[in-house]
Amino acid sequence: MTEQERIEAGRRAAVEGFANEHIVVGLLMKRYQNVSLVDLPLSKYDIIIALPRDDGGEEIIRAQVKTVSRGKISFRGGQRGGRDRITIRGVTEYLQNTQTSDVVIGLEEQNGNFVLYFVPTCLIEALSRSSISVSRVEFLKENHDMLQRCKDRNYVLQKCREAGILKSSSQNLFDSSEE
């Protein structure tokens, strides 16, 4: 691949990522209404979802969108693919966690339809891995209860144990070769 082809591939990947953020916002907006893209270039999350609480307030959920690639959801942040990327001093690669966002939303196109996987960051911390196959987190596919309760660590980890995503000891079931 020539340098020009690599640059063009990087641009296409960036455009796809931005487009997918808009697709996720649109899908979530139809269900939750109060959803917005974050227009902060150094933010570690892409979307804000404001869910109404019983007391009249709002529960704010910070979401990072990841395009499902080769059947996997990446949990890495602080990176941009392609040769045309800009390196910013002090901005380094990291794994999504409860400090950076509340949920990673994997977007996958399946036969012309878009599918969302809601992976709470407290689960990512428990898995301690940089990516996961969507076949391993089928339970999280379109699981809006998991999105709405993504900050409830006990709920998330218990449901993921029941679904077989986590062992009882909170260690993952998968060997490191899956990454």
Protein backbone atom coordinates (compact mmCIF):
# COMPACT_ATOMS: atom_id res chain seq x y z
CA MET A 1 0.00 0.00 0.00
CA THR A 2 1.39 3.39 -0.94
CA GLU A 3 1.64 6.26 1.51
CA GLN A 4 -1.17 8.07 -0.31
CA GLU A 5 -3.38 4.97 -0.04
CA ARG A 6 -2.62 4.73 3.70
CA ILE A 7 -3.52 8.41 4.15
CA GLU A 8 -6.78 7.91 2.27
CA ALA A 9 -7.60 4.78 4.31
CA GLY A 10 -7.02 6.77 7.51
CA ARG A 11 -9.35 9.51 6.33
CA ARG A 12 -12.06 6.99 5.43
CA ALA A 13 -11.72 5.39 8.88
CA ALA A 14 -12.03 8.80 10.58
CA VAL A 15 -15.13 9.68 8.53
CA GLU A 16 -16.67 6.29 9.32
CA GLY A 17 -16.05 6.86 13.03
CA PHE A 18 -17.68 10.29 12.99
CA ALA A 19 -20.61 8.99 10.94
CA ASN A 20 -21.10 6.12 13.38
CA GLU A 21 -21.22 8.54 16.30
CA HIS A 22 -24.08 10.34 14.53
CA ILE A 23 -25.86 7.04 13.81
CA VAL A 24 -25.67 6.03 17.48
CA VAL A 25 -26.94 9.44 18.61
CA GLY A 26 -29.88 9.14 16.21
CA LEU A 27 -30.77 5.63 17.36
CA LEU A 28 -30.54 6.59 21.04
CA MET A 29 -32.40 9.87 20.52
CA LYS A 30 -35.40 8.01 19.13
CA ARG A 31 -35.59 6.04 22.38
CA TYR A 32 -34.30 8.44 25.06
CA GLN A 33 -34.82 11.87 23.41
CA ASN A 34 -32.28 13.83 25.46
CA VAL A 35 -29.08 12.64 23.74
CA SER A 36 -26.27 14.72 22.29
CA LEU A 37 -22.86 14.47 20.69
CA VAL A 38 -20.11 16.02 22.78
CA ASP A 39 -18.34 18.82 20.93
CA LEU A 40 -15.24 18.82 23.10
CA PRO A 41 -12.18 17.69 21.11
CA LEU A 42 -10.21 16.44 24.14
CA SER A 43 -13.18 14.68 25.78
CA LYS A 44 -12.76 10.96 26.40
CA TYR A 45 -16.41 10.28 25.53
CA ASP A 46 -18.50 11.01 22.44
CA ILE A 47 -22.10 11.18 23.63
CA ILE A 48 -24.09 12.36 26.63
CA ILE A 49 -27.37 10.63 27.46
CA ALA A 50 -29.59 12.39 30.02
CA LEU A 51 -32.05 9.93 31.55
CA PRO A 52 -34.90 11.24 33.72
CA ARG A 53 -34.79 10.23 37.40
CA ASP A 54 -37.82 9.67 39.60
CA ASP A 55 -36.98 12.81 41.63
CA GLY A 56 -37.26 15.01 38.51
CA GLY A 57 -33.50 15.26 38.01
CA GLU A 58 -31.35 13.64 35.37
CA GLU A 59 -28.86 10.80 35.33
CA ILE A 60 -26.04 11.68 32.94
CA ILE A 61 -24.37 8.80 31.10
CA ARG A 62 -21.09 9.38 29.24
CA ALA A 63 -20.75 7.08 26.25
CA GLN A 64 -17.83 6.27 23.97
CA VAL A 65 -18.74 4.92 20.51
CA LYS A 66 -16.61 2.20 18.94
CA THR A 67 -17.13 0.71 15.49
CA VAL A 68 -17.21 -3.07 15.62
CA SER A 69 -14.27 -4.15 13.50
CA ARG A 70 -13.54 -7.75 12.51
CA GLY A 71 -16.17 -8.89 15.00
CA LYS A 72 -14.54 -7.14 17.96
CA ILE A 73 -15.19 -4.09 20.12
CA SER A 74 -12.06 -2.19 21.09
CA PHE A 75 -11.81 -0.57 24.50
CA ARG A 76 -8.82 1.60 23.59
CA GLY A 77 -9.02 5.37 23.54
CA GLY A 78 -6.68 8.25 22.81
CA GLN A 79 -5.78 6.97 19.39
CA ARG A 80 -6.76 7.66 15.83
CA GLY A 81 -5.91 5.35 12.97
CA GLY A 82 -4.29 6.31 9.73
CA ARG A 83 -1.12 8.06 8.64
CA ASP A 84 -2.76 11.50 8.68
CA ARG A 85 -3.41 11.51 12.40
CA ILE A 86 -2.23 14.40 14.54
CA THR A 87 -0.18 13.57 17.61
CA ILE A 88 -0.93 15.85 20.54
CA ARG A 89 1.62 16.05 23.33
CA GLY A 90 0.24 14.68 26.58
CA VAL A 91 -2.56 12.69 24.92
CA THR A 92 -1.79 9.00 25.15
CA GLU A 93 -3.58 5.74 24.50
CA TYR A 94 -5.61 4.33 27.39
CA LEU A 95 -8.27 1.71 28.11
CA GLN A 96 -11.79 2.96 28.69
CA ASN A 97 -12.65 2.90 32.38
CA THR A 98 -15.10 4.43 34.85
CA GLN A 99 -13.04 7.62 34.99
CA THR A 100 -13.19 8.20 31.22
CA SER A 101 -16.77 7.14 30.42
CA ASP A 102 -19.67 5.11 31.77
CA VAL A 103 -20.31 2.84 28.78
CA VAL A 104 -18.71 1.85 25.49
CA ILE A 105 -21.26 1.45 22.73
CA GLY A 106 -20.16 -0.91 19.99
CA LEU A 107 -21.89 -0.23 16.66
CA GLU A 108 -22.12 -3.07 14.18
CA GLU A 109 -23.84 -3.12 10.81
CA GLN A 110 -25.67 -6.40 10.22
CA ASN A 111 -27.42 -6.89 6.87
CA GLY A 112 -28.11 -3.18 6.47
CA ASN A 113 -29.31 -2.72 10.06
CA PHE A 114 -27.37 -1.19 12.92
CA VAL A 115 -26.91 -3.10 16.17
CA LEU A 116 -25.71 -1.62 19.46
CA TYR A 117 -23.70 -3.41 22.16
CA PHE A 118 -23.70 -1.66 25.55
CA VAL A 119 -20.50 -2.50 27.45
CA PRO A 120 -20.34 -0.71 30.84
CA THR A 121 -16.86 0.49 31.73
CA CYS A 122 -17.04 -1.20 35.13
CA LEU A 123 -17.25 -4.48 33.18
CA ILE A 124 -14.26 -3.41 31.07
CA GLU A 125 -12.30 -2.85 34.29
CA ALA A 126 -13.29 -6.32 35.54
CA LEU A 127 -12.36 -7.95 32.21
CA SER A 128 -9.03 -6.12 32.11
CA ARG A 129 -8.65 -6.48 28.35
CA SER A 130 -8.35 -4.13 25.38
CA SER A 131 -11.07 -5.68 23.21
CA ILE A 132 -13.67 -8.42 23.11
CA SER A 133 -15.45 -10.43 20.45
CA VAL A 134 -19.11 -9.51 19.99
CA SER A 135 -19.94 -13.22 20.14
CA ARG A 136 -18.71 -13.18 23.76
CA VAL A 137 -20.97 -10.27 24.73
CA GLU A 138 -24.13 -11.28 22.85
CA PHE A 139 -26.00 -10.67 26.14
CA LEU A 140 -25.15 -6.95 25.85
CA LYS A 141 -26.58 -6.62 22.32
CA GLU A 142 -29.43 -4.09 22.42
CA ASN A 143 -29.58 -4.58 26.22
CA HIS A 144 -31.01 -1.18 27.17
CA ASP A 145 -31.35 -2.18 30.83
CA MET A 146 -27.55 -2.53 30.88
CA LEU A 147 -27.18 0.92 29.32
CA GLN A 148 -29.57 2.51 31.80
CA ARG A 149 -27.90 0.81 34.78
CA CYS A 150 -24.29 0.97 33.50
CA LYS A 151 -23.14 2.87 36.63
CA ASP A 152 -24.53 0.22 39.01
CA ARG A 153 -21.40 -1.93 39.32
CA ASN A 154 -23.05 -4.66 41.42
CA TYR A 155 -25.93 -5.04 38.93
CA VAL A 156 -23.63 -5.04 35.89
CA LEU A 157 -21.16 -7.58 37.26
CA GLN A 158 -23.89 -9.89 38.60
CA LYS A 159 -25.78 -9.91 35.29
CA CYS A 160 -22.53 -10.49 33.37
CA ARG A 161 -21.66 -13.42 35.66
CA GLU A 162 -25.11 -14.90 35.03
CA ALA A 163 -24.60 -14.45 31.26
CA GLY A 164 -21.18 -16.13 31.43
CA ILE A 165 -19.20 -13.03 30.48
CA LEU A 166 -17.43 -13.09 33.85
CA LYS A 167 -16.44 -15.93 36.14
CA SER A 168 -17.70 -15.72 39.70
CA SER A 169 -14.32 -14.36 40.76
CA SER A 170 -14.73 -11.41 38.31
CA GLN A 171 -11.94 -12.77 36.12
CA ASN A 172 -12.73 -13.11 32.47
CA LEU A 173 -13.49 -16.44 30.87
CA PHE A 174 -11.38 -15.88 27.82
CA ASP A 175 -7.73 -16.42 27.23
CA SER A 176 -5.56 -13.51 26.14
CA SER A 177 -5.34 -14.88 22.60
CA GLU A 178 -8.79 -13.42 21.88
CA GLU A 179 -7.56 -9.84 22.20
